[in-house]
């Protein structure tokens, strides 16, 4: 972690893919350290751009990403402000919230063409009551098939104000370029 200037604090949580820690350099950020020690550099960059696009499109529901590294395999994201464990315990018994999570995941998959892991612990509710997806969003899997639809993303980006639209389209162009460079099959 020293080589990239990361100063991790206490452990906040652990999932199947990574462990999340406080960021002692910035209390508004968290550090996600993947269990897989190293990742393909182009995929790491693509994850960054895909997350940036989704954050522009859904700023209340997708955390911003501030950095993504391949060696060590680390991301730095905005911290969700709330007590997640109470929320997770509640949704084990709350069919309405589980339904809300399913609708949110369907929106990502159907409207934006982005596949995500729909496990309920990948979603938190922030202090403002928003559902926030907190898992890492992979731009492609082991089969080298894109996990995003450029057409659906572009369609959604085109509806934004000029500044966000310009940024979103730049990120999308870079994401597609990285996928092509990696030999990933991108479907329209």
N, C-alpha and C. Protein backbone atom coordinates (compact mmCIF):
# COMPACT_ATOMS: atom_id res chain seq x y z
N UNK A 1 0.82 -1.19 0.00
CA UNK A 1 0.00 0.00 0.00
C UNK A 1 0.87 1.26 0.00
N UNK A 2 2.06 1.15 0.55
CA UNK A 2 2.94 2.31 0.61
C UNK A 2 3.27 2.85 -0.77
N UNK A 3 3.46 1.95 -1.74
CA UNK A 3 3.90 2.42 -3.06
C UNK A 3 2.85 3.29 -3.76
N UNK A 4 1.57 3.20 -3.35
CA UNK A 4 0.55 4.07 -3.96
C UNK A 4 0.00 5.09 -2.96
N UNK A 5 0.62 5.18 -1.79
CA UNK A 5 0.26 6.21 -0.82
C UNK A 5 -1.05 6.02 -0.10
N UNK A 6 -1.45 4.75 0.07
CA UNK A 6 -2.72 4.47 0.75
C UNK A 6 -2.44 4.20 2.22
N UNK A 7 -3.27 4.80 3.07
CA UNK A 7 -3.12 4.67 4.51
C UNK A 7 -4.44 4.13 5.06
N UNK A 8 -4.54 2.79 5.18
CA UNK A 8 -5.81 2.19 5.59
C UNK A 8 -5.97 2.20 7.10
N UNK A 9 -7.22 2.35 7.49
CA UNK A 9 -7.57 2.35 8.90
C UNK A 9 -8.26 1.05 9.27
N UNK A 10 -9.26 1.16 10.16
CA UNK A 10 -9.93 -0.05 10.65
C UNK A 10 -10.78 -0.70 9.55
N UNK A 11 -10.93 -1.99 9.68
CA UNK A 11 -11.74 -2.77 8.75
C UNK A 11 -13.22 -2.42 8.94
N UNK A 12 -13.90 -2.13 7.82
CA UNK A 12 -15.31 -1.78 7.87
C UNK A 12 -16.22 -2.93 7.44
N UNK A 13 -15.69 -3.81 6.61
CA UNK A 13 -16.49 -4.92 6.13
C UNK A 13 -15.70 -5.80 5.19
N UNK A 14 -16.24 -7.00 4.93
CA UNK A 14 -15.57 -7.92 4.03
C UNK A 14 -16.61 -8.69 3.23
N UNK A 15 -16.31 -8.84 1.96
CA UNK A 15 -17.19 -9.59 1.07
C UNK A 15 -16.41 -10.70 0.39
N UNK A 16 -17.02 -11.31 -0.59
CA UNK A 16 -16.40 -12.42 -1.31
C UNK A 16 -15.20 -11.96 -2.13
N UNK A 17 -15.22 -10.70 -2.61
CA UNK A 17 -14.17 -10.22 -3.50
C UNK A 17 -13.13 -9.32 -2.84
N UNK A 18 -13.55 -8.57 -1.81
CA UNK A 18 -12.62 -7.61 -1.22
C UNK A 18 -12.97 -7.29 0.22
N UNK A 19 -12.02 -6.63 0.88
CA UNK A 19 -12.20 -6.14 2.24
C UNK A 19 -12.14 -4.62 2.17
N UNK A 20 -13.01 -3.96 2.94
CA UNK A 20 -13.11 -2.50 2.89
C UNK A 20 -12.62 -1.92 4.22
N UNK A 21 -11.81 -0.86 4.10
CA UNK A 21 -11.20 -0.20 5.25
C UNK A 21 -11.48 1.29 5.21
N UNK A 22 -11.34 1.93 6.38
CA UNK A 22 -11.35 3.39 6.45
C UNK A 22 -10.16 3.89 5.62
N UNK A 23 -10.28 5.08 5.08
CA UNK A 23 -9.16 5.75 4.42
C UNK A 23 -8.67 6.83 5.39
N UNK A 24 -7.52 6.60 6.01
CA UNK A 24 -7.01 7.56 6.99
C UNK A 24 -6.56 8.87 6.34
N UNK A 25 -6.36 8.86 5.03
CA UNK A 25 -6.00 10.09 4.31
C UNK A 25 -7.22 10.95 4.03
N UNK A 26 -8.42 10.33 3.99
CA UNK A 26 -9.64 11.07 3.68
C UNK A 26 -10.83 10.37 4.34
N UNK A 27 -11.44 10.97 5.36
CA UNK A 27 -12.54 10.32 6.07
C UNK A 27 -13.82 10.14 5.24
N UNK A 28 -13.90 10.79 4.08
CA UNK A 28 -15.06 10.65 3.21
C UNK A 28 -14.89 9.52 2.20
N UNK A 29 -13.77 8.82 2.25
CA UNK A 29 -13.47 7.73 1.31
C UNK A 29 -13.29 6.42 2.04
N UNK A 30 -13.43 5.33 1.31
CA UNK A 30 -13.11 3.99 1.81
C UNK A 30 -12.14 3.34 0.83
N UNK A 31 -11.37 2.40 1.33
CA UNK A 31 -10.39 1.67 0.53
C UNK A 31 -10.87 0.23 0.41
N UNK A 32 -11.05 -0.23 -0.82
CA UNK A 32 -11.43 -1.62 -1.07
C UNK A 32 -10.22 -2.39 -1.58
N UNK A 33 -9.78 -3.37 -0.82
CA UNK A 33 -8.63 -4.18 -1.21
C UNK A 33 -9.14 -5.55 -1.63
N UNK A 34 -8.94 -5.86 -2.90
CA UNK A 34 -9.42 -7.13 -3.45
C UNK A 34 -8.57 -8.28 -2.94
N UNK A 35 -9.23 -9.44 -2.75
CA UNK A 35 -8.51 -10.63 -2.29
C UNK A 35 -7.56 -11.12 -3.38
N UNK A 36 -7.96 -10.95 -4.66
CA UNK A 36 -7.08 -11.27 -5.78
C UNK A 36 -6.05 -10.15 -5.82
N UNK A 37 -4.79 -10.48 -5.55
CA UNK A 37 -3.75 -9.48 -5.32
C UNK A 37 -3.49 -8.57 -6.51
N UNK A 38 -3.60 -9.08 -7.72
CA UNK A 38 -3.27 -8.28 -8.90
C UNK A 38 -4.35 -8.51 -9.96
N UNK A 39 -4.63 -7.48 -10.73
CA UNK A 39 -5.64 -7.59 -11.78
C UNK A 39 -5.08 -6.97 -13.06
N UNK A 40 -5.61 -7.42 -14.17
CA UNK A 40 -5.22 -6.87 -15.46
C UNK A 40 -5.42 -5.36 -15.44
N UNK A 41 -4.39 -4.63 -15.82
CA UNK A 41 -4.41 -3.17 -15.73
C UNK A 41 -5.54 -2.54 -16.55
N UNK A 42 -5.80 -3.04 -17.75
CA UNK A 42 -6.85 -2.46 -18.59
C UNK A 42 -8.23 -2.66 -17.97
N UNK A 43 -8.44 -3.81 -17.32
CA UNK A 43 -9.72 -4.06 -16.66
C UNK A 43 -9.90 -3.12 -15.47
N UNK A 44 -8.82 -2.87 -14.75
CA UNK A 44 -8.86 -1.95 -13.62
C UNK A 44 -9.25 -0.56 -14.08
N UNK A 45 -8.65 -0.12 -15.17
CA UNK A 45 -8.99 1.20 -15.73
C UNK A 45 -10.44 1.23 -16.21
N UNK A 46 -10.87 0.15 -16.85
CA UNK A 46 -12.25 0.08 -17.36
C UNK A 46 -13.25 0.13 -16.20
N UNK A 47 -12.95 -0.54 -15.09
CA UNK A 47 -13.82 -0.48 -13.91
C UNK A 47 -13.98 0.96 -13.45
N UNK A 48 -12.87 1.70 -13.45
CA UNK A 48 -12.89 3.10 -13.04
C UNK A 48 -13.86 3.89 -13.93
N UNK A 49 -13.73 3.76 -15.25
CA UNK A 49 -14.57 4.54 -16.16
C UNK A 49 -16.04 4.11 -16.12
N UNK A 50 -16.30 2.81 -15.99
CA UNK A 50 -17.68 2.34 -15.90
C UNK A 50 -18.33 2.89 -14.62
N UNK A 51 -17.61 2.86 -13.53
CA UNK A 51 -18.15 3.39 -12.27
C UNK A 51 -18.39 4.89 -12.37
N UNK A 52 -17.47 5.61 -13.00
CA UNK A 52 -17.64 7.05 -13.18
C UNK A 52 -18.91 7.35 -13.98
N UNK A 53 -19.13 6.59 -15.06
CA UNK A 53 -20.33 6.77 -15.88
C UNK A 53 -21.58 6.53 -15.04
N UNK A 54 -21.59 5.42 -14.31
CA UNK A 54 -22.79 5.10 -13.51
C UNK A 54 -23.02 6.13 -12.41
N UNK A 55 -21.95 6.65 -11.85
CA UNK A 55 -22.10 7.69 -10.82
C UNK A 55 -22.68 8.97 -11.42
N UNK A 56 -22.27 9.32 -12.63
CA UNK A 56 -22.83 10.50 -13.30
C UNK A 56 -24.33 10.29 -13.55
N UNK A 57 -24.69 9.08 -13.98
CA UNK A 57 -26.09 8.78 -14.29
C UNK A 57 -26.95 8.63 -13.04
N UNK A 58 -26.39 8.04 -12.00
CA UNK A 58 -27.14 7.76 -10.77
C UNK A 58 -26.33 8.22 -9.56
N UNK A 59 -26.13 9.53 -9.40
CA UNK A 59 -25.24 10.02 -8.34
C UNK A 59 -25.68 9.67 -6.92
N UNK A 60 -26.97 9.46 -6.72
CA UNK A 60 -27.46 9.10 -5.38
C UNK A 60 -27.38 7.60 -5.12
N UNK A 61 -27.13 6.81 -6.15
CA UNK A 61 -27.20 5.36 -6.00
C UNK A 61 -25.90 4.61 -6.29
N UNK A 62 -24.96 5.26 -6.97
CA UNK A 62 -23.66 4.64 -7.26
C UNK A 62 -22.60 5.55 -6.67
N UNK A 63 -21.78 4.98 -5.79
CA UNK A 63 -20.72 5.78 -5.16
C UNK A 63 -19.71 6.23 -6.21
N UNK A 64 -19.14 7.39 -5.99
CA UNK A 64 -18.08 7.85 -6.88
C UNK A 64 -16.83 7.03 -6.62
N UNK A 65 -16.04 6.86 -7.66
CA UNK A 65 -14.76 6.16 -7.54
C UNK A 65 -13.68 7.22 -7.74
N UNK A 66 -12.67 7.21 -6.86
CA UNK A 66 -11.63 8.23 -6.89
C UNK A 66 -10.30 7.69 -7.42
N UNK A 67 -10.11 6.37 -7.30
CA UNK A 67 -8.89 5.75 -7.80
C UNK A 67 -9.12 4.25 -7.94
N UNK A 68 -8.38 3.66 -8.87
CA UNK A 68 -8.43 2.22 -9.10
C UNK A 68 -7.04 1.76 -9.51
N UNK A 69 -6.49 0.80 -8.78
CA UNK A 69 -5.14 0.32 -9.02
C UNK A 69 -5.17 -1.17 -9.34
N UNK A 70 -4.21 -1.62 -10.15
CA UNK A 70 -4.16 -3.04 -10.51
C UNK A 70 -3.15 -3.82 -9.67
N UNK A 71 -2.11 -3.16 -9.16
CA UNK A 71 -1.09 -3.86 -8.37
C UNK A 71 -0.54 -2.93 -7.31
N UNK A 72 -1.07 -2.96 -6.08
CA UNK A 72 -2.07 -3.89 -5.57
C UNK A 72 -3.47 -3.58 -6.12
N UNK A 73 -4.34 -4.58 -6.07
CA UNK A 73 -5.69 -4.50 -6.63
C UNK A 73 -6.59 -3.78 -5.62
N UNK A 74 -6.73 -2.46 -5.81
CA UNK A 74 -7.39 -1.59 -4.82
C UNK A 74 -8.27 -0.56 -5.53
N UNK A 75 -9.40 -0.23 -4.89
CA UNK A 75 -10.20 0.93 -5.33
C UNK A 75 -10.39 1.86 -4.15
N UNK A 76 -10.56 3.13 -4.46
CA UNK A 76 -10.92 4.13 -3.45
C UNK A 76 -12.23 4.74 -3.90
N UNK A 77 -13.24 4.61 -3.03
CA UNK A 77 -14.60 5.09 -3.34
C UNK A 77 -15.08 6.05 -2.27
N UNK A 78 -16.13 6.79 -2.60
CA UNK A 78 -16.79 7.63 -1.60
C UNK A 78 -17.41 6.72 -0.54
N UNK A 79 -17.41 7.21 0.67
CA UNK A 79 -17.97 6.45 1.79
C UNK A 79 -19.48 6.73 1.89
N UNK A 80 -20.26 5.68 2.10
CA UNK A 80 -21.70 5.84 2.32
C UNK A 80 -21.89 6.15 3.80
N UNK A 81 -22.61 7.20 4.07
CA UNK A 81 -22.80 7.60 5.46
C UNK A 81 -24.06 6.99 6.03
N UNK A 82 -23.89 5.92 6.80
CA UNK A 82 -24.99 5.28 7.53
C UNK A 82 -24.49 4.00 8.20
N UNK A 83 -25.34 3.41 9.02
CA UNK A 83 -25.01 2.18 9.71
C UNK A 83 -25.59 1.01 8.92
N UNK A 84 -24.77 0.40 8.10
CA UNK A 84 -25.24 -0.63 7.17
C UNK A 84 -25.72 -1.90 7.85
N UNK A 85 -25.13 -2.26 8.95
CA UNK A 85 -25.49 -3.55 9.56
C UNK A 85 -26.94 -3.56 9.99
N UNK A 86 -27.45 -2.45 10.51
CA UNK A 86 -28.86 -2.39 10.87
C UNK A 86 -29.73 -2.54 9.63
N UNK A 87 -29.31 -1.91 8.54
CA UNK A 87 -30.06 -2.01 7.29
C UNK A 87 -30.07 -3.45 6.79
N UNK A 88 -28.91 -4.10 6.78
CA UNK A 88 -28.85 -5.47 6.27
C UNK A 88 -29.70 -6.41 7.12
N UNK A 89 -29.67 -6.22 8.42
CA UNK A 89 -30.49 -7.06 9.30
C UNK A 89 -31.97 -6.84 8.98
N UNK A 90 -32.36 -5.59 8.79
CA UNK A 90 -33.75 -5.25 8.51
C UNK A 90 -34.23 -5.89 7.20
N UNK A 91 -33.42 -5.84 6.15
CA UNK A 91 -33.92 -6.33 4.87
C UNK A 91 -34.01 -7.84 4.80
N UNK A 92 -33.41 -8.53 5.75
CA UNK A 92 -33.63 -9.97 5.82
C UNK A 92 -35.10 -10.27 6.06
N UNK A 93 -35.80 -9.32 6.68
CA UNK A 93 -37.19 -9.54 7.07
C UNK A 93 -38.15 -8.59 6.38
N UNK A 94 -37.66 -7.72 5.52
CA UNK A 94 -38.49 -6.68 4.94
C UNK A 94 -38.67 -6.90 3.44
N UNK A 95 -39.78 -7.54 3.03
CA UNK A 95 -40.00 -7.82 1.62
C UNK A 95 -40.07 -6.57 0.74
N UNK A 96 -40.55 -5.45 1.29
CA UNK A 96 -40.65 -4.22 0.50
C UNK A 96 -39.26 -3.70 0.11
N UNK A 97 -38.32 -3.73 1.04
CA UNK A 97 -36.97 -3.26 0.73
C UNK A 97 -36.28 -4.22 -0.23
N UNK A 98 -36.49 -5.51 -0.05
CA UNK A 98 -35.92 -6.48 -0.99
C UNK A 98 -36.46 -6.25 -2.39
N UNK A 99 -37.75 -5.92 -2.48
CA UNK A 99 -38.36 -5.62 -3.78
C UNK A 99 -37.73 -4.36 -4.37
N UNK A 100 -37.52 -3.35 -3.53
CA UNK A 100 -36.90 -2.10 -3.98
C UNK A 100 -35.49 -2.36 -4.52
N UNK A 101 -34.75 -3.24 -3.86
CA UNK A 101 -33.41 -3.60 -4.32
C UNK A 101 -33.49 -4.31 -5.67
N UNK A 102 -34.42 -5.23 -5.81
CA UNK A 102 -34.59 -5.94 -7.10
C UNK A 102 -34.92 -4.96 -8.22
N UNK A 103 -35.79 -3.99 -7.95
CA UNK A 103 -36.15 -2.99 -8.96
C UNK A 103 -34.93 -2.13 -9.33
N UNK A 104 -34.14 -1.78 -8.34
CA UNK A 104 -32.93 -0.99 -8.58
C UNK A 104 -31.93 -1.77 -9.44
N UNK A 105 -31.70 -3.02 -9.10
CA UNK A 105 -30.78 -3.87 -9.87
C UNK A 105 -31.32 -4.05 -11.30
N UNK A 106 -32.63 -4.24 -11.42
CA UNK A 106 -33.24 -4.36 -12.76
C UNK A 106 -33.04 -3.09 -13.57
N UNK A 107 -33.12 -1.93 -12.92
CA UNK A 107 -32.89 -0.66 -13.62
C UNK A 107 -31.48 -0.62 -14.17
N UNK A 108 -30.50 -1.02 -13.36
CA UNK A 108 -29.11 -1.05 -13.84
C UNK A 108 -28.97 -1.99 -15.03
N UNK A 109 -29.57 -3.17 -14.90
CA UNK A 109 -29.41 -4.19 -15.94
C UNK A 109 -30.25 -3.90 -17.18
N UNK A 110 -31.50 -3.54 -17.00
CA UNK A 110 -32.40 -3.36 -18.15
C UNK A 110 -32.24 -1.98 -18.80
N UNK A 111 -32.27 -0.93 -17.99
CA UNK A 111 -32.22 0.43 -18.54
C UNK A 111 -30.82 0.84 -18.98
N UNK A 112 -29.81 0.44 -18.20
CA UNK A 112 -28.45 0.89 -18.50
C UNK A 112 -27.59 -0.21 -19.12
N UNK A 113 -28.07 -1.45 -19.08
CA UNK A 113 -27.33 -2.55 -19.70
C UNK A 113 -26.09 -2.96 -18.94
N UNK A 114 -26.08 -2.75 -17.62
CA UNK A 114 -24.92 -3.08 -16.79
C UNK A 114 -25.30 -4.19 -15.82
N UNK A 115 -24.57 -5.29 -15.89
CA UNK A 115 -24.82 -6.40 -14.98
C UNK A 115 -24.13 -6.18 -13.65
N UNK A 116 -24.85 -6.44 -12.57
CA UNK A 116 -24.28 -6.31 -11.22
C UNK A 116 -24.67 -7.52 -10.39
N UNK A 117 -23.96 -7.71 -9.30
CA UNK A 117 -24.27 -8.77 -8.35
C UNK A 117 -25.44 -8.29 -7.49
N UNK A 118 -26.56 -8.99 -7.55
CA UNK A 118 -27.78 -8.52 -6.88
C UNK A 118 -27.90 -8.95 -5.42
N UNK A 119 -26.85 -9.52 -4.85
CA UNK A 119 -26.87 -9.92 -3.44
C UNK A 119 -27.21 -8.70 -2.57
N UNK A 120 -28.16 -8.85 -1.65
CA UNK A 120 -28.68 -7.70 -0.92
C UNK A 120 -27.62 -6.96 -0.11
N UNK A 121 -26.55 -7.62 0.31
CA UNK A 121 -25.53 -6.93 1.09
C UNK A 121 -24.63 -6.04 0.22
N UNK A 122 -24.87 -6.03 -1.09
CA UNK A 122 -24.15 -5.12 -1.98
C UNK A 122 -24.86 -3.77 -2.10
N UNK A 123 -25.96 -3.61 -1.35
CA UNK A 123 -26.73 -2.38 -1.37
C UNK A 123 -26.90 -1.89 0.06
N UNK A 124 -26.72 -0.58 0.23
CA UNK A 124 -26.93 0.05 1.53
C UNK A 124 -27.93 1.19 1.35
N UNK A 125 -28.45 1.67 2.45
CA UNK A 125 -29.30 2.86 2.40
C UNK A 125 -28.53 3.96 3.12
N UNK A 126 -28.37 5.11 2.44
CA UNK A 126 -27.62 6.20 3.07
C UNK A 126 -28.52 7.01 3.99
N UNK A 127 -27.94 8.02 4.61
CA UNK A 127 -28.69 8.85 5.56
C UNK A 127 -29.86 9.59 4.92
N UNK A 128 -29.83 9.75 3.60
CA UNK A 128 -30.92 10.43 2.89
C UNK A 128 -32.00 9.46 2.42
N UNK A 129 -31.84 8.17 2.73
CA UNK A 129 -32.83 7.18 2.35
C UNK A 129 -32.61 6.56 0.97
N UNK A 130 -31.52 6.92 0.29
CA UNK A 130 -31.23 6.37 -1.03
C UNK A 130 -30.62 4.98 -0.94
N UNK A 131 -31.01 4.10 -1.86
CA UNK A 131 -30.30 2.83 -2.00
C UNK A 131 -29.00 3.12 -2.72
N UNK A 132 -27.89 2.60 -2.20
CA UNK A 132 -26.58 2.84 -2.78
C UNK A 132 -25.90 1.49 -3.03
N UNK A 133 -25.53 1.25 -4.29
CA UNK A 133 -24.83 0.02 -4.64
C UNK A 133 -23.37 0.18 -4.22
N UNK A 134 -22.87 -0.75 -3.41
CA UNK A 134 -21.52 -0.59 -2.84
C UNK A 134 -20.51 -1.62 -3.33
N UNK A 135 -20.93 -2.56 -4.14
CA UNK A 135 -19.99 -3.55 -4.65
C UNK A 135 -19.23 -2.97 -5.84
N UNK A 136 -18.13 -3.58 -6.17
CA UNK A 136 -17.37 -3.20 -7.35
C UNK A 136 -18.13 -3.68 -8.59
N UNK A 137 -18.12 -2.87 -9.64
CA UNK A 137 -18.84 -3.21 -10.86
C UNK A 137 -17.81 -3.60 -11.92
N UNK A 138 -17.81 -4.87 -12.27
CA UNK A 138 -16.82 -5.37 -13.23
C UNK A 138 -17.23 -5.02 -14.66
N UNK A 139 -16.29 -4.48 -15.44
CA UNK A 139 -16.60 -4.13 -16.83
C UNK A 139 -16.72 -5.36 -17.73
N UNK A 140 -16.05 -6.45 -17.34
CA UNK A 140 -16.18 -7.73 -18.06
C UNK A 140 -15.74 -8.85 -17.14
N UNK A 141 -16.17 -10.05 -17.52
CA UNK A 141 -15.85 -11.22 -16.71
C UNK A 141 -14.71 -12.04 -17.30
N UNK A 142 -14.56 -13.24 -16.78
CA UNK A 142 -13.48 -14.12 -17.21
C UNK A 142 -13.64 -14.59 -18.65
N UNK A 143 -14.86 -14.49 -19.18
CA UNK A 143 -15.12 -14.92 -20.56
C UNK A 143 -14.84 -13.81 -21.57
N UNK A 144 -14.40 -12.66 -21.08
CA UNK A 144 -14.10 -11.51 -21.94
C UNK A 144 -15.30 -11.04 -22.76
N UNK A 145 -16.46 -11.07 -22.10
CA UNK A 145 -17.68 -10.48 -22.66
C UNK A 145 -17.96 -9.21 -21.85
N UNK A 146 -18.24 -8.13 -22.53
CA UNK A 146 -18.51 -6.86 -21.84
C UNK A 146 -19.72 -7.01 -20.93
N UNK A 147 -19.63 -6.39 -19.78
CA UNK A 147 -20.69 -6.41 -18.79
C UNK A 147 -21.47 -5.09 -18.85
N UNK A 148 -21.48 -4.46 -20.03
CA UNK A 148 -22.16 -3.19 -20.21
C UNK A 148 -22.62 -3.07 -21.67
N UNK A 149 -23.66 -2.28 -21.86
CA UNK A 149 -24.17 -2.01 -23.20
C UNK A 149 -23.82 -0.58 -23.58
N UNK A 150 -22.89 -0.39 -24.51
CA UNK A 150 -22.54 0.98 -24.92
C UNK A 150 -23.75 1.76 -25.41
N UNK A 151 -24.65 1.08 -26.13
CA UNK A 151 -25.83 1.75 -26.68
C UNK A 151 -26.73 2.28 -25.56
N UNK A 152 -27.03 1.45 -24.57
CA UNK A 152 -27.91 1.87 -23.49
C UNK A 152 -27.25 2.96 -22.63
N UNK A 153 -25.95 2.82 -22.39
CA UNK A 153 -25.26 3.85 -21.62
C UNK A 153 -25.27 5.18 -22.37
N UNK A 154 -24.96 5.13 -23.66
CA UNK A 154 -24.93 6.36 -24.46
C UNK A 154 -26.31 7.01 -24.50
N UNK A 155 -27.33 6.21 -24.67
CA UNK A 155 -28.70 6.72 -24.69
C UNK A 155 -29.02 7.47 -23.40
N UNK A 156 -28.61 6.94 -22.28
CA UNK A 156 -28.86 7.59 -20.98
C UNK A 156 -27.99 8.82 -20.80
N UNK A 157 -26.73 8.76 -21.22
CA UNK A 157 -25.82 9.90 -21.10
C UNK A 157 -26.32 11.07 -21.93
N UNK A 158 -26.87 10.78 -23.10
CA UNK A 158 -27.35 11.84 -24.00
C UNK A 158 -28.45 12.70 -23.36
N UNK A 159 -29.10 12.21 -22.33
CA UNK A 159 -30.20 12.94 -21.68
C UNK A 159 -29.70 13.91 -20.59
N UNK A 160 -28.40 13.88 -20.29
CA UNK A 160 -27.84 14.70 -19.21
C UNK A 160 -27.59 16.14 -19.68
N UNK A 161 -27.33 17.03 -18.70
CA UNK A 161 -26.96 18.40 -19.07
C UNK A 161 -25.61 18.35 -19.80
N UNK A 162 -25.26 19.44 -20.46
CA UNK A 162 -24.10 19.45 -21.36
C UNK A 162 -22.79 19.04 -20.68
N UNK A 163 -22.54 19.54 -19.48
CA UNK A 163 -21.28 19.22 -18.81
C UNK A 163 -21.19 17.73 -18.50
N UNK A 164 -22.24 17.19 -17.88
CA UNK A 164 -22.25 15.76 -17.53
C UNK A 164 -22.26 14.90 -18.78
N UNK A 165 -22.97 15.33 -19.80
CA UNK A 165 -23.02 14.59 -21.06
C UNK A 165 -21.62 14.49 -21.67
N UNK A 166 -20.91 15.60 -21.70
CA UNK A 166 -19.55 15.62 -22.27
C UNK A 166 -18.64 14.66 -21.50
N UNK A 167 -18.68 14.76 -20.18
CA UNK A 167 -17.86 13.88 -19.33
C UNK A 167 -18.24 12.42 -19.54
N UNK A 168 -19.54 12.15 -19.48
CA UNK A 168 -20.03 10.78 -19.63
C UNK A 168 -19.63 10.16 -20.96
N UNK A 169 -19.74 10.93 -22.03
CA UNK A 169 -19.37 10.41 -23.36
C UNK A 169 -17.86 10.18 -23.46
N UNK A 170 -17.07 11.05 -22.83
CA UNK A 170 -15.61 10.84 -22.80
C UNK A 170 -15.28 9.54 -22.06
N UNK A 171 -15.93 9.35 -20.91
CA UNK A 171 -15.70 8.12 -20.13
C UNK A 171 -16.13 6.89 -20.93
N UNK A 172 -17.26 6.97 -21.62
CA UNK A 172 -17.76 5.85 -22.39
C UNK A 172 -16.81 5.51 -23.54
N UNK A 173 -16.31 6.53 -24.21
CA UNK A 173 -15.35 6.31 -25.30
C UNK A 173 -14.11 5.60 -24.77
N UNK A 174 -13.64 6.03 -23.62
CA UNK A 174 -12.45 5.40 -23.01
C UNK A 174 -12.76 3.97 -22.58
N UNK A 175 -13.92 3.73 -22.01
CA UNK A 175 -14.33 2.39 -21.59
C UNK A 175 -14.36 1.43 -22.78
N UNK A 176 -14.96 1.85 -23.87
CA UNK A 176 -15.05 1.01 -25.07
C UNK A 176 -13.65 0.75 -25.62
N UNK A 177 -12.81 1.77 -25.63
CA UNK A 177 -11.44 1.63 -26.12
C UNK A 177 -10.66 0.60 -25.28
N UNK A 178 -10.80 0.67 -23.97
CA UNK A 178 -10.12 -0.28 -23.08
C UNK A 178 -10.62 -1.71 -23.32
N UNK A 179 -11.93 -1.85 -23.50
CA UNK A 179 -12.51 -3.18 -23.77
C UNK A 179 -11.94 -3.72 -25.07
N UNK A 180 -11.91 -2.89 -26.10
CA UNK A 180 -11.36 -3.34 -27.40
C UNK A 180 -9.89 -3.70 -27.29
N UNK A 181 -9.13 -2.88 -26.57
CA UNK A 181 -7.70 -3.15 -26.36
C UNK A 181 -7.48 -4.50 -25.67
N UNK A 182 -8.41 -4.85 -24.79
CA UNK A 182 -8.30 -6.10 -24.02
C UNK A 182 -8.84 -7.31 -24.77
N UNK A 183 -9.41 -7.08 -25.93
CA UNK A 183 -9.99 -8.19 -26.70
C UNK A 183 -11.35 -8.61 -26.19
N UNK A 184 -12.02 -7.72 -25.48
CA UNK A 184 -13.35 -8.01 -24.93
C UNK A 184 -14.39 -7.83 -26.02
N UNK A 185 -15.32 -8.76 -26.07
CA UNK A 185 -16.42 -8.67 -27.04
C UNK A 185 -17.47 -7.72 -26.48
N UNK A 186 -17.69 -6.62 -27.21
CA UNK A 186 -18.66 -5.61 -26.80
C UNK A 186 -19.85 -5.71 -27.74
N UNK A 187 -21.02 -6.00 -27.18
CA UNK A 187 -22.25 -6.12 -27.97
C UNK A 187 -23.04 -4.83 -27.88
N UNK A 188 -23.76 -4.51 -28.93
CA UNK A 188 -24.62 -3.31 -28.91
C UNK A 188 -25.98 -3.63 -28.40
